[in-house]
Amino acid sequence: MALRTTIRPLLGAALGLGLAGALLLPRLAAFAEEAPRRLPEAATQAGEAPGARVAVFAGGCFWGVQGVFQHVRGVTGAVSGYAGGTAADADYNIVSRGGTDHAEAVAVTYDPAVIRYDELLRIFFSVALDPTQVDRQGPDSGRQYRSALFPQDAEQARIARAYIAQLEAAKAYARPLATRIEPGAAFYPAEGYHQDFMAQHPSHPYIAANDAPKLEALKQLFPERTAPQPVLVNRPPA
């Protein structure tokens, strides 16, 4: 069992005691991963109707995935939660045991007039995860940390398949992509203490070691896509 899987229930209790208690948790060493990179634009662009759209991504711990998308221009909301499981509901205690096959995921609300689904995919694969890892990301292992896309309609499924095929054909990574496409999955928001975790606890050891580098990679590789302030769940946009 990965260290983070072991301490996460304890982390919830620590958060209840305040940030000082949470910061006493040991630093978790990041596993060797594929380095972030600015991947090519999608050859197949999404054709999306005007108005707010939702896309759901799973790429390991939802703290980092949420934190990245909260800083992307055109994103109007990003909520941590659970998707892809067999049960009719989900919470952290259920998902962390791995019995329902849910993945930690993030539901991203976006304006396709500013950023299309294929452009979100490009950012996701470039900086939010190592898409070659099977049922793990960094120090976290288990099906709940798998890499997956949960298309909300046929167009998203088409674009997701096309972009994964494009990356594989270009041999963008030395290993095959492990990201799976899982359409039709329900999404369940996570508990309040998981929302905005990167923004609220930037000095937390896990964030500093594993997730802050993803945000820095977004800023460095996609400065034109980076918003100056995050769009938070618990605070309206600035």
Protein backbone atom coordinates (compact mmCIF):
# COMPACT_ATOMS: atom_id res chain seq x y z
CA MET A 1 0.00 0.00 0.00
CA ALA A 2 1.39 3.41 -0.95
CA LEU A 3 2.29 5.80 1.82
CA ARG A 4 -0.31 8.32 0.77
CA THR A 5 -3.02 5.67 0.78
CA THR A 6 -2.04 4.83 4.33
CA ILE A 7 -2.04 8.37 5.69
CA ARG A 8 -4.99 9.88 3.84
CA PRO A 9 -7.60 8.84 6.47
CA LEU A 10 -5.26 10.26 9.10
CA LEU A 11 -4.93 13.43 7.05
CA GLY A 12 -8.65 14.06 7.27
CA ALA A 13 -8.41 13.91 11.03
CA ALA A 14 -5.36 16.15 10.99
CA LEU A 15 -7.21 18.72 8.96
CA GLY A 16 -9.93 18.69 11.57
CA LEU A 17 -7.30 19.64 14.12
CA GLY A 18 -5.98 22.42 11.90
CA LEU A 19 -3.26 22.88 9.29
CA ALA A 20 -0.49 22.69 11.88
CA GLY A 21 -1.40 19.08 12.61
CA ALA A 22 -1.48 18.21 8.92
CA LEU A 23 1.95 19.72 8.35
CA LEU A 24 3.44 17.27 10.84
CA LEU A 25 2.86 14.47 8.34
CA PRO A 26 6.12 13.18 6.83
CA ARG A 27 7.26 14.37 3.42
CA LEU A 28 6.42 11.84 0.73
CA ALA A 29 9.13 11.28 -1.86
CA ALA A 30 7.90 11.55 -5.43
CA PHE A 31 8.39 8.48 -7.60
CA ALA A 32 10.32 8.78 -10.85
CA GLU A 33 7.93 9.94 -13.54
CA GLU A 34 7.89 11.09 -17.13
CA ALA A 35 8.81 14.77 -17.22
CA PRO A 36 6.16 17.36 -18.17
CA ARG A 37 6.36 18.47 -21.78
CA ARG A 38 4.49 20.73 -24.18
CA LEU A 39 2.72 18.15 -26.30
CA PRO A 40 1.55 18.95 -29.83
CA GLU A 41 -1.84 20.48 -30.51
CA ALA A 42 -4.63 18.05 -31.31
CA ALA A 43 -4.94 17.30 -35.01
CA THR A 44 -8.67 16.73 -34.48
CA GLN A 45 -10.39 19.71 -32.89
CA ALA A 46 -13.56 19.51 -30.84
CA GLY A 47 -16.74 20.88 -32.34
CA GLU A 48 -18.68 22.16 -29.35
CA ALA A 49 -21.84 24.23 -29.07
CA PRO A 50 -21.63 27.57 -27.25
CA GLY A 51 -22.19 27.57 -23.51
CA ALA A 52 -20.61 25.99 -20.46
CA ARG A 53 -19.40 22.41 -20.85
CA VAL A 54 -18.11 19.82 -18.36
CA ALA A 55 -15.19 17.42 -18.78
CA VAL A 56 -14.07 14.82 -16.23
CA PHE A 57 -10.43 13.77 -15.83
CA ALA A 58 -8.70 11.25 -13.57
CA GLY A 59 -4.95 11.43 -13.13
CA GLY A 60 -3.97 10.22 -9.67
CA CYS A 61 -4.54 12.39 -6.63
CA PHE A 62 -7.28 14.88 -7.39
CA TRP A 63 -5.55 17.63 -5.39
CA GLY A 64 -3.01 18.24 -8.14
CA VAL A 65 -5.33 17.73 -11.11
CA GLN A 66 -7.82 20.18 -9.61
CA GLY A 67 -5.06 22.67 -8.83
CA VAL A 68 -3.79 22.62 -12.41
CA PHE A 69 -7.19 23.11 -14.05
CA GLN A 70 -8.15 25.84 -11.60
CA HIS A 71 -5.34 27.90 -13.15
CA VAL A 72 -6.36 27.38 -16.80
CA ARG A 73 -7.90 30.26 -18.74
CA GLY A 74 -11.43 29.44 -19.84
CA VAL A 75 -12.05 27.09 -16.91
CA THR A 76 -14.85 28.43 -14.72
CA GLY A 77 -14.88 25.64 -12.15
CA ALA A 78 -13.01 22.48 -11.10
CA VAL A 79 -14.40 20.13 -8.47
CA SER A 80 -12.58 17.15 -6.97
CA GLY A 81 -14.59 13.96 -6.76
CA TYR A 82 -14.98 10.34 -7.80
CA ALA A 83 -15.96 8.70 -11.11
CA GLY A 84 -15.94 5.40 -12.91
CA GLY A 85 -17.08 3.09 -10.15
CA THR A 86 -19.73 0.42 -9.84
CA ALA A 87 -21.50 1.72 -6.73
CA ALA A 88 -24.35 4.23 -6.85
CA ASP A 89 -22.51 6.60 -4.53
CA ALA A 90 -18.95 7.38 -3.49
CA ASP A 91 -17.02 8.96 -0.65
CA TYR A 92 -13.38 8.94 0.38
CA ASN A 93 -13.66 5.99 2.76
CA ILE A 94 -15.28 3.84 0.07
CA VAL A 95 -12.96 4.89 -2.75
CA SER A 96 -9.74 4.60 -0.74
CA ARG A 97 -10.50 0.93 -0.06
CA GLY A 98 -10.70 0.31 -3.82
CA GLY A 99 -13.78 -1.90 -3.65
CA THR A 100 -16.04 0.08 -6.00
CA ASP A 101 -13.50 0.85 -8.76
CA HIS A 102 -14.05 4.60 -8.53
CA ALA A 103 -11.15 6.85 -9.48
CA GLU A 104 -10.23 10.14 -7.89
CA ALA A 105 -11.34 12.57 -10.59
CA VAL A 106 -11.98 16.24 -11.32
CA ALA A 107 -15.04 17.69 -13.05
CA VAL A 108 -13.92 20.73 -15.06
CA THR A 109 -16.44 23.32 -16.22
CA TYR A 110 -15.15 25.33 -19.17
CA ASP A 111 -16.12 27.80 -21.87
CA PRO A 112 -15.41 26.25 -25.30
CA ALA A 113 -15.26 29.75 -26.79
CA VAL A 114 -12.05 30.22 -24.76
CA ILE A 115 -10.66 26.69 -24.52
CA ARG A 116 -11.88 23.58 -26.32
CA TYR A 117 -11.99 20.04 -24.98
CA ASP A 118 -9.04 18.99 -27.15
CA GLU A 119 -7.01 21.88 -25.68
CA LEU A 120 -7.89 20.73 -22.16
CA LEU A 121 -6.70 17.25 -23.11
CA ARG A 122 -3.39 18.69 -24.30
CA ILE A 123 -2.82 20.40 -20.95
CA PHE A 124 -3.92 17.30 -19.01
CA PHE A 125 -1.45 15.00 -20.77
CA SER A 126 1.33 17.62 -20.81
CA VAL A 127 1.47 18.61 -17.15
CA ALA A 128 -1.21 17.02 -14.94
CA LEU A 129 0.04 13.42 -14.84
CA ASP A 130 2.33 10.77 -16.24
CA PRO A 131 -0.09 8.97 -18.58
CA THR A 132 2.15 5.90 -18.90
CA GLN A 133 1.72 4.77 -15.29
CA VAL A 134 -0.75 1.92 -14.76
CA ASP A 135 -3.05 2.26 -11.74
CA ARG A 136 -0.74 4.70 -10.01
CA GLN A 137 0.66 8.23 -9.99
CA GLY A 138 3.82 9.06 -8.09
CA PRO A 139 3.65 7.60 -4.58
CA ASP A 140 0.00 6.56 -4.91
CA SER A 141 -1.01 3.12 -6.19
CA GLY A 142 -4.33 1.42 -6.76
CA ARG A 143 -7.20 1.57 -9.24
CA GLN A 144 -8.47 4.74 -7.56
CA TYR A 145 -5.35 6.51 -8.89
CA ARG A 146 -5.66 5.33 -12.49
CA SER A 147 -5.42 7.60 -15.51
CA ALA A 148 -8.81 7.89 -17.21
CA LEU A 149 -11.06 10.17 -19.24
CA PHE A 150 -14.80 10.16 -18.63
CA PRO A 151 -16.43 11.65 -21.76
CA GLN A 152 -19.72 13.43 -21.17
CA ASP A 153 -20.93 12.97 -24.75
CA ALA A 154 -20.05 11.32 -28.05
CA GLU A 155 -18.00 14.31 -29.22
CA GLN A 156 -15.73 14.22 -26.19
CA ALA A 157 -15.27 10.46 -26.64
CA ARG A 158 -14.34 10.98 -30.31
CA ILE A 159 -11.82 13.70 -29.51
CA ALA A 160 -10.31 11.72 -26.62
CA ARG A 161 -9.78 8.64 -28.80
CA ALA A 162 -8.27 10.76 -31.56
CA TYR A 163 -5.80 12.57 -29.31
CA ILE A 164 -4.62 9.41 -27.56
CA ALA A 165 -4.12 7.78 -30.96
CA GLN A 166 -2.20 10.85 -32.14
CA LEU A 167 0.15 10.74 -29.13
CA GLU A 168 0.73 7.02 -29.51
CA ALA A 169 1.41 7.34 -33.25
CA ALA A 170 3.90 10.13 -32.57
CA LYS A 171 5.57 8.05 -29.82
CA ALA A 172 5.27 11.02 -27.49
CA TYR A 173 6.32 8.74 -24.61
CA ALA A 174 8.76 5.86 -24.42
CA ARG A 175 6.06 3.64 -22.90
CA PRO A 176 2.45 3.06 -24.04
CA LEU A 177 -0.22 5.37 -22.68
CA ALA A 178 -2.19 3.81 -19.84
CA THR A 179 -5.04 6.36 -19.99
CA ARG A 180 -8.39 4.70 -20.56
CA ILE A 181 -11.62 6.17 -21.94
CA GLU A 182 -14.61 5.34 -19.73
CA PRO A 183 -17.82 6.91 -21.07
CA GLY A 184 -21.07 7.12 -19.18
CA ALA A 185 -19.60 7.36 -15.68
CA ALA A 186 -21.39 9.27 -12.93
CA PHE A 187 -19.43 11.89 -10.98
CA TYR A 188 -19.68 12.40 -7.22
CA PRO A 189 -18.13 15.51 -5.60
CA ALA A 190 -15.58 14.81 -2.89
CA GLU A 191 -15.73 15.95 0.70
CA GLY A 192 -15.25 19.63 1.44
CA TYR A 193 -11.80 19.23 2.97
CA HIS A 194 -10.50 17.93 -0.39
CA GLN A 195 -11.71 20.96 -2.37
CA ASP A 196 -9.16 23.70 -3.23
CA PHE A 197 -6.54 21.70 -1.32
CA MET A 198 -3.55 22.95 -3.31
CA ALA A 199 -4.64 26.58 -3.00
CA GLN A 200 -5.39 26.32 0.70
CA HIS A 201 -2.34 24.28 1.69
CA PRO A 202 0.52 25.16 -0.69
CA SER A 203 3.16 24.23 1.91
CA HIS A 204 1.72 20.81 2.69
CA PRO A 205 4.51 18.25 2.17
CA TYR A 206 2.54 16.17 -0.33
CA ILE A 207 1.59 19.25 -2.36
CA ALA A 208 5.14 20.61 -2.34
CA ALA A 209 6.64 17.32 -3.47
CA ASN A 210 4.07 16.09 -5.97
CA ASP A 211 1.59 18.74 -7.09
CA ALA A 212 3.26 22.15 -6.99
CA PRO A 213 5.67 21.05 -9.77
CA LYS A 214 2.64 20.38 -12.02
CA LEU A 215 1.41 23.92 -11.55
CA GLU A 216 4.87 25.30 -12.25
CA ALA A 217 5.01 23.21 -15.41
CA LEU A 218 1.68 24.70 -16.53
CA LYS A 219 3.01 28.22 -16.02
CA GLN A 220 6.27 27.50 -17.84
CA LEU A 221 4.96 25.39 -20.72
CA PHE A 222 1.61 27.11 -21.29
CA PRO A 223 1.95 30.72 -20.12
CA GLU A 224 -0.69 31.80 -22.64
CA ARG A 225 -3.16 29.35 -21.04
CA THR A 226 -2.41 30.17 -17.40
CA ALA A 227 -4.84 32.31 -15.42
CA PRO A 228 -3.34 34.73 -12.88
CA GLN A 229 -5.67 33.53 -10.11
CA PRO A 230 -7.29 30.13 -9.53
CA VAL A 231 -11.03 29.59 -9.83
CA LEU A 232 -11.87 28.08 -6.47
CA VAL A 233 -14.80 25.97 -5.32
CA ASN A 234 -15.15 27.82 -2.04
CA ARG A 235 -14.64 31.33 -3.37
CA PRO A 236 -16.14 33.08 -6.40
CA PRO A 237 -13.78 34.01 -9.25
CA ALA A 238 -11.78 37.22 -8.73
